[in-house]
Amino acid sequence: MINDLAEIIAIDTVCAEAKPKAPFGLGSRKALEWFLTKAKSYGLNCGEDEGYAAWAETGEGEKLIGILGHLDVVPPGAGWSTNPFQLEIDGGNLYGRGVSDDKGPVVACLHVLKRIKESGIKLSGRVRLIVGFNEENGSSCIKHYVKSNEVPIASFTPDADFPVVASEKGILQLKISVPIKGLSEFVSDFRSGTRPNIVPNYAEMRVPSSSSLFSFIQSLESPEMLFRTEKVALTLAESGYTPAEFSIISSTGEYIISSRGLAAHASCPEKGDNAAAKLLSLISSLLPCEESAYCALLSSVRARAKFGLDLEDESGALTMNVGMVEMKNDKLILTVDIRRPYSSNCKNIINALSRKNVTVDIFSNHNSLFKSDDDKLVSTLLSVYRKVTGDYASLPLRIGGGTYAKELPNCVAFGATFPGVDTKMHEPDEFYPVEHFYKLCEIYYEAVLALDKAYLS
């Protein structure tokens, strides 16, 4: 099983340019073929959906239960202690991009099907492991799958946390275009982030020699003094930043100003430190206007309260993350990831963020998912988790993360992260405990048998 994990970790499945039979890039196509080859070698029935998804199953009968996982990953980003596309084992942990999200759990589920097949256990129906390749960028893979492929009666996705996820917030991603007069005369470029659903850990802007800011920096005792000038230092302090969080270097005909932060998943931005927010605060001090102040506030930790979006219900509190920033002429384009409670209204959120001269467009929108704790699927999987682990204290979860559970009827997220463990998914040095990797197989094996009994017999 470890060897299988090493093989799939080594395949770069970050979403890339579409190619024939590879709608999400050649890396994803290579992973799809790896999955089919591996599943066939284990005696499983297999198929694919035009490069969008692949599946493997065992059992017989008309009825079907499902497991949904994904083999695509977010970009590794900087700051790794190891090669993100090479499985490393150290201190009882597995390291590599995807070991917890979601390649490791997919490999575990594949081996569950292998075990069922080889054991000769007679299921009442079939169990199918469906893998997609676009979960991190909108789940169009599974949307495509359900159009012309068999949909299970009940399913789980091993792409969140144990003991079981009963509800998921809605995910609203917005493209917000903010014009800032004189921006292109001041800086030649501004960029930060690679995905809306990641807190960016790096941001930079370039100051050309033609800029008045370039001349001002040159007039200082040293370039670093920029962050200590009265107006800049005051603005940064009010935003909670210090000069030490910025750097400035001289390059050919320009200065490059950068800031660093800490990456985190957008569902819990409080665990990260948004580098883009720091540079946007700097911009607001150098080019003071309503629009630059808007950008700085939108990316700050105070955004929810200041925009009247301190919303919360049984599914949790609204969160916001400015995951990407790019510059086009005199405009900054901010891509914002919002995890919204199931009782919230998208139109009201957009209205709260709208301002004169600011354009707010929907980039993607996924509805929320809510099930009660006594729902049949939730209670069945919770019982399995408790039986295998002996953990009767943990209760069904309400999360901000989005999973495939929203794409199929009667589906919830079930694992794969155990309570109290932060595997750093979407961060550098993503890991998963070896002990938990093998425990997954026991939990998911029992889950298949329990769902077979509950829904197919």
Protein backbone atom coordinates (compact mmCIF):
# COMPACT_ATOMS: atom_id res chain seq x y z
CA MET A 1 0.00 0.00 0.00
CA ILE A 2 2.87 2.36 0.80
CA ASN A 3 4.38 1.60 -2.61
CA ASP A 4 1.12 2.52 -4.32
CA LEU A 5 1.02 5.77 -2.39
CA ALA A 6 4.61 6.57 -3.38
CA GLU A 7 3.78 6.00 -7.05
CA ILE A 8 0.76 8.30 -7.09
CA ILE A 9 2.42 11.02 -4.98
CA ALA A 10 5.19 11.13 -7.62
CA ILE A 11 2.66 12.18 -10.30
CA ASP A 12 2.12 15.95 -10.41
CA THR A 13 -1.65 16.33 -10.63
CA VAL A 14 -1.96 20.07 -10.18
CA CYS A 15 -4.66 21.21 -12.63
CA ALA A 16 -3.04 22.14 -15.95
CA GLU A 17 -3.88 23.02 -19.53
CA ALA A 18 -6.43 20.73 -21.15
CA LYS A 19 -5.20 18.25 -23.75
CA PRO A 20 -6.97 15.55 -25.81
CA LYS A 21 -8.40 12.95 -23.36
CA ALA A 22 -6.90 15.03 -20.56
CA PRO A 23 -9.32 17.84 -19.61
CA PHE A 24 -7.24 18.70 -16.52
CA GLY A 25 -3.77 18.26 -17.99
CA LEU A 26 -1.35 15.48 -18.78
CA GLY A 27 -0.44 14.88 -15.14
CA SER A 28 -4.02 14.10 -14.28
CA ARG A 29 -4.28 11.82 -17.32
CA LYS A 30 -1.21 9.95 -16.17
CA ALA A 31 -2.76 9.53 -12.71
CA LEU A 32 -6.02 8.30 -14.24
CA GLU A 33 -4.17 5.64 -16.21
CA TRP A 34 -2.21 4.70 -13.09
CA PHE A 35 -5.46 4.21 -11.20
CA LEU A 36 -7.05 2.05 -13.90
CA THR A 37 -3.93 -0.08 -14.32
CA LYS A 38 -3.60 -0.60 -10.58
CA ALA A 39 -7.29 -1.42 -10.10
CA LYS A 40 -7.28 -3.93 -12.95
CA SER A 41 -4.23 -5.63 -11.46
CA TYR A 42 -6.28 -6.10 -8.27
CA GLY A 43 -9.08 -7.80 -10.21
CA LEU A 44 -11.53 -4.93 -10.02
CA ASN A 45 -13.96 -3.85 -12.73
CA CYS A 46 -12.98 -0.44 -14.10
CA GLY A 47 -14.07 2.38 -16.34
CA GLU A 48 -13.49 6.05 -17.09
CA ASP A 49 -15.54 9.08 -17.98
CA GLU A 50 -13.71 10.73 -20.89
CA GLY A 51 -10.75 11.72 -18.72
CA TYR A 52 -12.92 13.54 -16.19
CA ALA A 53 -13.11 10.67 -13.73
CA ALA A 54 -12.33 6.98 -13.37
CA TRP A 55 -13.86 4.23 -11.30
CA ALA A 56 -13.21 0.76 -9.93
CA GLU A 57 -15.73 -1.56 -8.34
CA THR A 58 -16.38 -5.00 -6.93
CA GLY A 59 -19.52 -6.97 -6.15
CA GLU A 60 -22.61 -7.86 -8.15
CA GLY A 61 -26.17 -6.65 -8.44
CA GLU A 62 -28.16 -3.64 -9.57
CA LYS A 63 -27.72 -1.47 -6.46
CA LEU A 64 -24.58 0.56 -5.88
CA ILE A 65 -22.90 2.31 -2.97
CA GLY A 66 -20.07 4.72 -3.64
CA ILE A 67 -16.80 6.15 -2.39
CA LEU A 68 -15.68 9.44 -3.96
CA GLY A 69 -12.08 10.61 -3.84
CA HIS A 70 -9.84 12.87 -5.88
CA LEU A 71 -6.32 12.57 -7.20
CA ASP A 72 -5.72 16.21 -8.10
CA VAL A 73 -3.80 18.39 -5.66
CA VAL A 74 -3.22 22.07 -5.00
CA PRO A 75 0.15 23.55 -6.03
CA PRO A 76 2.86 22.65 -3.51
CA GLY A 77 4.01 26.23 -2.96
CA ALA A 78 7.25 27.23 -1.28
CA GLY A 79 8.56 26.24 2.13
CA TRP A 80 8.73 22.46 1.92
CA SER A 81 11.34 20.53 3.90
CA THR A 82 11.06 17.64 1.43
CA ASN A 83 10.26 17.14 -2.25
CA PRO A 84 6.45 17.50 -2.34
CA PHE A 85 6.21 14.98 -5.20
CA GLN A 86 8.29 12.31 -3.52
CA LEU A 87 6.86 10.31 -0.63
CA GLU A 88 8.98 10.60 2.49
CA ILE A 89 8.55 8.71 5.76
CA ASP A 90 9.97 10.38 8.83
CA GLY A 91 9.10 10.19 12.51
CA GLY A 92 6.09 7.96 11.88
CA ASN A 93 4.60 10.36 9.32
CA LEU A 94 4.12 10.24 5.56
CA TYR A 95 5.10 13.48 3.78
CA GLY A 96 4.12 14.64 0.29
CA ARG A 97 1.54 16.70 -1.54
CA GLY A 98 -1.70 14.73 -1.37
CA VAL A 99 -0.87 12.25 1.41
CA SER A 100 -3.90 13.51 3.34
CA ASP A 101 -5.77 15.38 0.59
CA ASP A 102 -6.69 13.13 -1.09
CA LYS A 103 -4.26 10.62 -2.61
CA GLY A 104 -3.57 8.78 0.64
CA PRO A 105 -7.26 8.13 1.41
CA VAL A 106 -7.91 7.10 -2.23
CA VAL A 107 -5.11 4.51 -2.05
CA ALA A 108 -6.54 3.22 1.23
CA CYS A 109 -10.00 2.87 -0.32
CA LEU A 110 -8.57 1.12 -3.38
CA HIS A 111 -7.02 -1.46 -1.06
CA VAL A 112 -10.34 -1.85 0.76
CA LEU A 113 -11.93 -2.90 -2.55
CA LYS A 114 -8.97 -5.20 -3.18
CA ARG A 115 -9.47 -6.81 0.23
CA ILE A 116 -13.19 -7.32 -0.35
CA LYS A 117 -12.51 -8.82 -3.77
CA GLU A 118 -9.82 -11.20 -2.51
CA SER A 119 -11.71 -12.23 0.63
CA GLY A 120 -14.68 -13.54 -1.33
CA ILE A 121 -17.15 -11.63 0.86
CA LYS A 122 -20.57 -11.65 -0.77
CA LEU A 123 -21.98 -8.13 -0.87
CA SER A 124 -25.68 -7.52 -1.46
CA GLY A 125 -24.74 -5.18 -4.31
CA ARG A 126 -21.73 -3.33 -5.65
CA VAL A 127 -19.29 -0.82 -4.21
CA ARG A 128 -17.62 1.65 -6.56
CA LEU A 129 -14.62 3.89 -5.89
CA ILE A 130 -14.94 6.98 -8.10
CA VAL A 131 -11.95 9.28 -8.48
CA GLY A 132 -11.98 12.75 -9.98
CA PHE A 133 -9.28 15.16 -11.05
CA ASN A 134 -10.75 18.63 -10.55
CA GLU A 135 -11.97 18.72 -6.95
CA GLU A 136 -9.58 21.51 -6.02
CA ASN A 137 -10.86 23.69 -8.86
CA GLY A 138 -14.63 23.35 -8.80
CA SER A 139 -15.39 19.61 -9.04
CA SER A 140 -16.39 19.78 -12.70
CA CYS A 141 -15.06 16.22 -12.94
CA ILE A 142 -17.87 14.78 -10.82
CA LYS A 143 -20.43 17.12 -12.33
CA HIS A 144 -19.48 15.56 -15.68
CA TYR A 145 -19.56 12.03 -14.24
CA VAL A 146 -23.14 12.26 -12.94
CA LYS A 147 -24.48 13.34 -16.33
CA SER A 148 -24.00 9.93 -17.95
CA ASN A 149 -22.77 7.49 -15.30
CA GLU A 150 -24.38 5.47 -12.55
CA VAL A 151 -25.03 7.37 -9.33
CA PRO A 152 -24.78 5.42 -6.06
CA ILE A 153 -27.66 5.13 -3.61
CA ALA A 154 -25.42 6.24 -0.75
CA SER A 155 -21.81 7.41 -0.71
CA PHE A 156 -19.04 8.87 1.38
CA THR A 157 -15.96 10.87 0.47
CA PRO A 158 -12.73 10.43 2.48
CA ASP A 159 -11.78 14.06 2.09
CA ALA A 160 -12.37 15.83 5.39
CA ASP A 161 -12.44 14.75 9.03
CA PHE A 162 -13.61 12.04 11.40
CA PRO A 163 -15.89 11.08 12.96
CA VAL A 164 -18.26 12.20 10.14
CA VAL A 165 -19.26 15.50 8.55
CA ALA A 166 -22.97 16.22 8.83
CA SER A 167 -22.90 19.64 7.17
CA GLU A 168 -20.70 21.78 4.93
CA LYS A 169 -20.91 25.51 4.43
CA GLY A 170 -21.62 26.92 1.01
CA ILE A 171 -18.60 28.14 -0.95
CA LEU A 172 -18.88 31.46 -2.78
CA GLN A 173 -15.84 32.63 -4.74
CA LEU A 174 -15.87 36.16 -6.10
CA LYS A 175 -13.75 38.13 -8.54
CA ILE A 176 -13.62 41.69 -7.29
CA SER A 177 -12.16 44.34 -9.59
CA VAL A 178 -11.00 47.54 -7.88
CA PRO A 179 -9.72 50.55 -9.90
CA ILE A 180 -6.99 52.54 -8.14
CA LYS A 181 -6.08 55.80 -9.83
CA GLY A 182 -2.38 56.06 -10.65
CA LEU A 183 -1.61 52.45 -9.67
CA SER A 184 0.15 51.55 -12.93
CA GLU A 185 2.34 54.67 -12.66
CA PHE A 186 3.33 53.65 -9.16
CA VAL A 187 4.00 49.89 -9.54
CA SER A 188 4.41 47.79 -12.66
CA ASP A 189 3.08 44.55 -11.17
CA PHE A 190 1.36 43.14 -8.10
CA ARG A 191 0.69 39.47 -7.57
CA SER A 192 -0.07 37.00 -4.83
CA GLY A 193 -1.59 33.54 -4.49
CA THR A 194 -2.16 30.57 -6.77
CA ARG A 195 -5.63 29.37 -5.70
CA PRO A 196 -8.64 31.05 -4.09
CA ASN A 197 -8.86 28.27 -1.50
CA ILE A 198 -5.36 28.81 -0.10
CA VAL A 199 -4.21 31.62 2.18
CA PRO A 200 -1.29 33.09 0.18
CA ASN A 201 2.08 32.91 1.92
CA TYR A 202 3.86 35.27 -0.49
CA ALA A 203 3.10 38.54 -2.26
CA GLU A 204 5.21 40.93 -4.30
CA MET A 205 4.98 44.15 -6.21
CA ARG A 206 7.50 45.73 -8.57
CA VAL A 207 8.41 49.39 -8.55
CA PRO A 208 9.87 50.55 -11.90
CA SER A 209 12.53 53.25 -12.20
CA SER A 210 9.96 55.56 -13.83
CA SER A 211 7.84 55.58 -10.67
CA SER A 212 7.85 58.40 -8.15
CA LEU A 213 7.97 55.71 -5.48
CA PHE A 214 11.26 54.47 -6.96
CA SER A 215 12.71 57.96 -6.59
CA PHE A 216 11.40 58.26 -3.05
CA ILE A 217 12.96 54.94 -2.04
CA GLN A 218 16.28 56.03 -3.50
CA SER A 219 16.17 59.20 -1.44
CA LEU A 220 16.00 57.23 1.81
CA GLU A 221 18.98 56.24 3.90
CA SER A 222 18.28 52.65 2.89
CA PRO A 223 15.40 50.99 0.94
CA GLU A 224 14.20 49.28 4.14
CA MET A 225 13.48 52.68 5.66
CA LEU A 226 10.36 52.81 3.46
CA PHE A 227 8.52 50.68 6.02
CA ARG A 228 9.58 52.97 8.84
CA THR A 229 8.53 56.30 7.35
CA GLU A 230 5.85 57.87 9.52
CA LYS A 231 2.81 57.42 7.29
CA VAL A 232 3.66 53.86 6.21
CA ALA A 233 4.64 52.69 9.68
CA LEU A 234 1.42 54.10 11.17
CA THR A 235 -0.78 52.38 8.58
CA LEU A 236 1.01 49.08 8.99
CA ALA A 237 0.79 49.28 12.78
CA GLU A 238 -2.94 49.99 12.62
CA SER A 239 -3.30 46.84 10.49
CA GLY A 240 -1.23 44.79 12.92
CA TYR A 241 1.92 44.50 10.80
CA THR A 242 5.57 45.33 11.48
CA PRO A 243 8.38 46.40 9.12
CA ALA A 244 10.07 43.04 9.73
CA GLU A 245 7.29 41.33 7.75
CA PHE A 246 8.38 43.07 4.53
CA SER A 247 11.47 43.00 2.37
CA ILE A 248 12.75 45.13 -0.48
CA ILE A 249 15.51 44.33 -2.94
CA SER A 250 17.03 46.27 -5.81
CA SER A 251 16.86 44.56 -9.18
CA THR A 252 17.69 45.76 -12.69
CA GLY A 253 15.82 49.06 -13.08
CA GLU A 254 13.34 48.34 -10.32
CA TYR A 255 12.67 47.56 -6.67
CA ILE A 256 10.86 44.37 -5.68
CA ILE A 257 8.84 44.70 -2.49
CA SER A 258 7.56 41.48 -0.97
CA SER A 259 5.86 40.09 2.11
CA ARG A 260 5.62 36.60 3.51
CA GLY A 261 2.92 34.89 5.51
CA LEU A 262 1.70 31.41 6.33
CA ALA A 263 -0.36 29.23 3.97
CA ALA A 264 -3.53 27.57 5.20
CA HIS A 265 -6.76 26.14 3.84
CA ALA A 266 -9.36 28.81 3.05
CA SER A 267 -11.93 27.03 5.22
CA CYS A 268 -9.87 28.05 8.27
CA PRO A 269 -8.02 31.24 7.25
CA GLU A 270 -7.38 32.06 10.90
CA LYS A 271 -4.70 29.34 10.86
CA GLY A 272 -2.78 31.25 8.17
CA ASP A 273 -1.18 34.64 7.72
CA ASN A 274 -2.22 36.37 4.51
CA ALA A 275 0.81 37.84 2.73
CA ALA A 276 -1.37 39.69 0.21
CA ALA A 277 -3.11 41.58 3.01
CA LYS A 278 0.25 43.03 4.10
CA LEU A 279 1.14 44.45 0.69
CA LEU A 280 -2.39 45.74 0.18
CA SER A 281 -2.05 47.59 3.48
CA LEU A 282 1.23 49.04 2.21
CA ILE A 283 -0.45 50.14 -1.04
CA SER A 284 -3.19 51.86 0.96
CA SER A 285 -0.56 53.92 2.79
CA LEU A 286 1.30 54.86 -0.40
CA LEU A 287 -1.77 55.51 -2.57
CA PRO A 288 -4.43 56.59 -0.06
CA CYS A 289 -7.94 56.52 -1.49
CA GLU A 290 -11.25 54.77 -0.83
CA GLU A 291 -10.40 51.99 -3.29
CA SER A 292 -6.99 51.11 -1.86
CA ALA A 293 -8.45 51.21 1.66
CA TYR A 294 -11.20 48.86 0.46
CA CYS A 295 -8.62 46.31 -0.77
CA ALA A 296 -6.67 46.49 2.47
CA LEU A 297 -9.79 46.04 4.58
CA LEU A 298 -11.21 43.22 2.44
CA SER A 299 -8.07 41.14 2.92
CA SER A 300 -7.68 41.86 6.64
CA VAL A 301 -8.81 39.80 9.62
CA ARG A 302 -11.36 42.55 10.35
CA ALA A 303 -13.18 42.13 7.04
CA ARG A 304 -16.19 40.14 8.27
CA ALA A 305 -17.12 42.62 10.96
CA LYS A 306 -16.38 45.73 8.92
CA PHE A 307 -18.50 44.56 5.97
CA GLY A 308 -21.36 43.38 8.19
CA LEU A 309 -20.71 39.71 7.42
CA ASP A 310 -20.24 38.40 10.94
CA LEU A 311 -22.78 35.68 10.15
CA GLU A 312 -23.11 32.39 11.99
CA ASP A 313 -25.59 29.53 12.42
CA GLU A 314 -25.55 25.83 13.29
CA SER A 315 -23.18 25.12 10.38
CA GLY A 316 -20.59 27.60 11.70
CA ALA A 317 -19.39 31.15 11.08
CA LEU A 318 -18.75 32.83 7.74
CA THR A 319 -15.07 33.01 6.77
CA MET A 320 -13.32 35.08 4.09
CA ASN A 321 -9.99 34.65 2.33
CA VAL A 322 -8.43 36.84 -0.34
CA GLY A 323 -6.60 33.98 -2.02
CA MET A 324 -5.34 35.67 -5.19
CA VAL A 325 -4.45 39.20 -6.23
CA GLU A 326 -3.31 40.33 -9.66
CA MET A 327 -2.83 43.70 -11.30
CA LYS A 328 -4.25 44.76 -14.65
CA ASN A 329 -3.41 48.34 -15.62
CA ASP A 330 -4.89 50.54 -12.88
CA LYS A 331 -6.98 47.73 -11.38
CA LEU A 332 -6.39 45.16 -8.69
CA ILE A 333 -8.31 41.92 -9.20
CA LEU A 334 -8.97 40.15 -5.89
CA THR A 335 -10.29 36.59 -5.84
CA VAL A 336 -12.13 36.02 -2.58
CA ASP A 337 -13.13 32.65 -1.13
CA ILE A 338 -16.11 32.85 1.23
CA ARG A 339 -17.35 29.90 3.27
CA ARG A 340 -20.89 30.84 4.16
CA PRO A 341 -23.34 29.37 6.70
CA TYR A 342 -26.21 27.43 5.14
CA SER A 343 -28.76 30.03 6.29
CA SER A 344 -26.92 32.90 4.55
CA ASN A 345 -27.89 34.48 1.25
CA CYS A 346 -25.39 34.97 -1.62
CA LYS A 347 -27.09 38.13 -2.87
CA ASN A 348 -26.85 39.75 0.55
CA ILE A 349 -23.15 38.90 0.77
CA ILE A 350 -22.47 40.42 -2.64
CA ASN A 351 -24.43 43.54 -1.73
CA ALA A 352 -22.40 43.92 1.45
CA LEU A 353 -19.15 43.87 -0.51
CA SER A 354 -20.31 46.13 -3.33
CA ARG A 355 -19.04 49.69 -3.53
CA LYS A 356 -19.08 52.48 -6.09
CA ASN A 357 -16.60 51.76 -8.91
CA VAL A 358 -16.02 48.23 -7.55
CA THR A 359 -17.13 45.31 -9.73
CA VAL A 360 -18.12 42.08 -7.97
CA ASP A 361 -18.59 38.96 -10.12
CA ILE A 362 -19.30 35.38 -9.08
CA PHE A 363 -16.36 33.13 -9.95
CA SER A 364 -17.97 29.96 -8.55
CA ASN A 365 -20.79 29.12 -6.19
CA HIS A 366 -21.46 25.84 -4.36
CA ASN A 367 -24.50 25.34 -2.18
CA SER A 368 -24.28 24.20 1.40
CA LEU A 369 -25.02 20.68 2.64
CA PHE A 370 -26.91 19.97 5.83
CA LYS A 371 -27.91 16.69 7.46
CA SER A 372 -29.12 16.06 11.00
CA ASP A 373 -27.08 13.95 13.39
CA ASP A 374 -29.70 11.20 13.28
CA ASP A 375 -29.72 11.00 9.48
CA LYS A 376 -29.36 7.35 8.38
CA LEU A 377 -26.10 7.87 6.48
CA VAL A 378 -24.55 10.02 9.21
CA SER A 379 -25.52 7.67 12.03
CA THR A 380 -24.38 4.56 10.14
CA LEU A 381 -20.91 5.96 9.46
CA LEU A 382 -20.61 7.39 12.97
CA SER A 383 -21.32 3.92 14.39
CA VAL A 384 -18.58 2.44 12.21
CA TYR A 385 -16.06 5.03 13.34
CA ARG A 386 -16.89 4.41 16.99
CA LYS A 387 -16.75 0.64 16.60
CA VAL A 388 -13.26 0.70 15.06
CA THR A 389 -11.67 3.49 17.12
CA GLY A 390 -13.49 3.28 20.45
CA ASP A 391 -13.93 7.06 20.30
CA TYR A 392 -17.45 7.74 21.55
CA ALA A 393 -16.76 11.34 22.56
CA SER A 394 -16.42 12.88 19.08
CA LEU A 395 -19.65 14.13 17.54
CA PRO A 396 -20.72 14.81 13.92
CA LEU A 397 -18.98 17.86 12.48
CA ARG A 398 -20.05 21.07 10.75
CA ILE A 399 -17.21 22.26 8.51
CA GLY A 400 -16.25 25.06 6.15
CA GLY A 401 -14.43 22.83 3.70
CA GLY A 402 -16.14 21.79 0.51
CA THR A 403 -16.11 18.20 -0.71
CA TYR A 404 -17.65 15.96 -3.34
CA ALA A 405 -20.48 15.31 -0.88
CA LYS A 406 -22.35 18.24 -2.43
CA GLU A 407 -22.18 16.72 -5.90
CA LEU A 408 -24.15 13.51 -5.25
CA PRO A 409 -27.43 12.84 -3.48
CA ASN A 410 -27.07 11.17 -0.08
CA CYS A 411 -23.34 11.63 0.35
CA VAL A 412 -21.25 12.91 3.26
CA ALA A 413 -17.57 13.36 4.05
CA PHE A 414 -16.14 10.63 6.28
CA GLY A 415 -12.51 11.13 7.38
CA ALA A 416 -9.70 10.94 6.61
CA THR A 417 -8.19 13.24 9.27
CA PHE A 418 -8.53 12.07 12.86
CA PRO A 419 -9.62 14.39 15.70
CA GLY A 420 -6.86 16.59 17.06
CA VAL A 421 -4.52 16.11 14.08
CA ASP A 422 -3.70 18.95 11.68
CA THR A 423 -2.15 17.33 8.58
CA LYS A 424 -1.31 20.69 6.97
CA MET A 425 -3.34 20.00 3.85
CA HIS A 426 -2.87 22.84 1.34
CA GLU A 427 0.24 23.86 3.28
CA PRO A 428 3.95 23.05 2.96
CA ASP A 429 5.00 19.73 4.54
CA GLU A 430 1.56 18.13 4.25
CA PHE A 431 1.70 14.88 6.21
CA TYR A 432 -0.32 11.90 7.41
CA PRO A 433 0.57 9.52 10.26
CA VAL A 434 1.53 6.03 9.08
CA GLU A 435 -0.52 4.49 11.88
CA HIS A 436 -3.63 6.36 10.73
CA PHE A 437 -3.04 5.33 7.12
CA TYR A 438 -3.49 1.68 8.03
CA LYS A 439 -6.34 2.47 10.41
CA LEU A 440 -8.19 4.03 7.45
CA CYS A 441 -8.37 0.65 5.78
CA GLU A 442 -10.12 -0.86 8.78
CA ILE A 443 -12.60 1.99 9.07
CA TYR A 444 -13.46 2.09 5.38
CA TYR A 445 -13.69 -1.69 5.13
CA GLU A 446 -16.25 -1.71 7.93
CA ALA A 447 -18.01 1.29 6.37
CA VAL A 448 -18.53 -0.55 3.07
CA LEU A 449 -20.00 -3.55 4.89
CA ALA A 450 -22.26 -1.34 7.01
CA LEU A 451 -23.55 0.65 4.02
CA ASP A 452 -24.07 -2.55 2.06
CA LYS A 453 -26.24 -3.84 4.88
CA ALA A 454 -28.09 -0.55 5.44
CA TYR A 455 -28.83 0.30 1.81
CA LEU A 456 -28.43 -2.73 -0.42
CA SER A 457 -29.65 -5.77 1.51
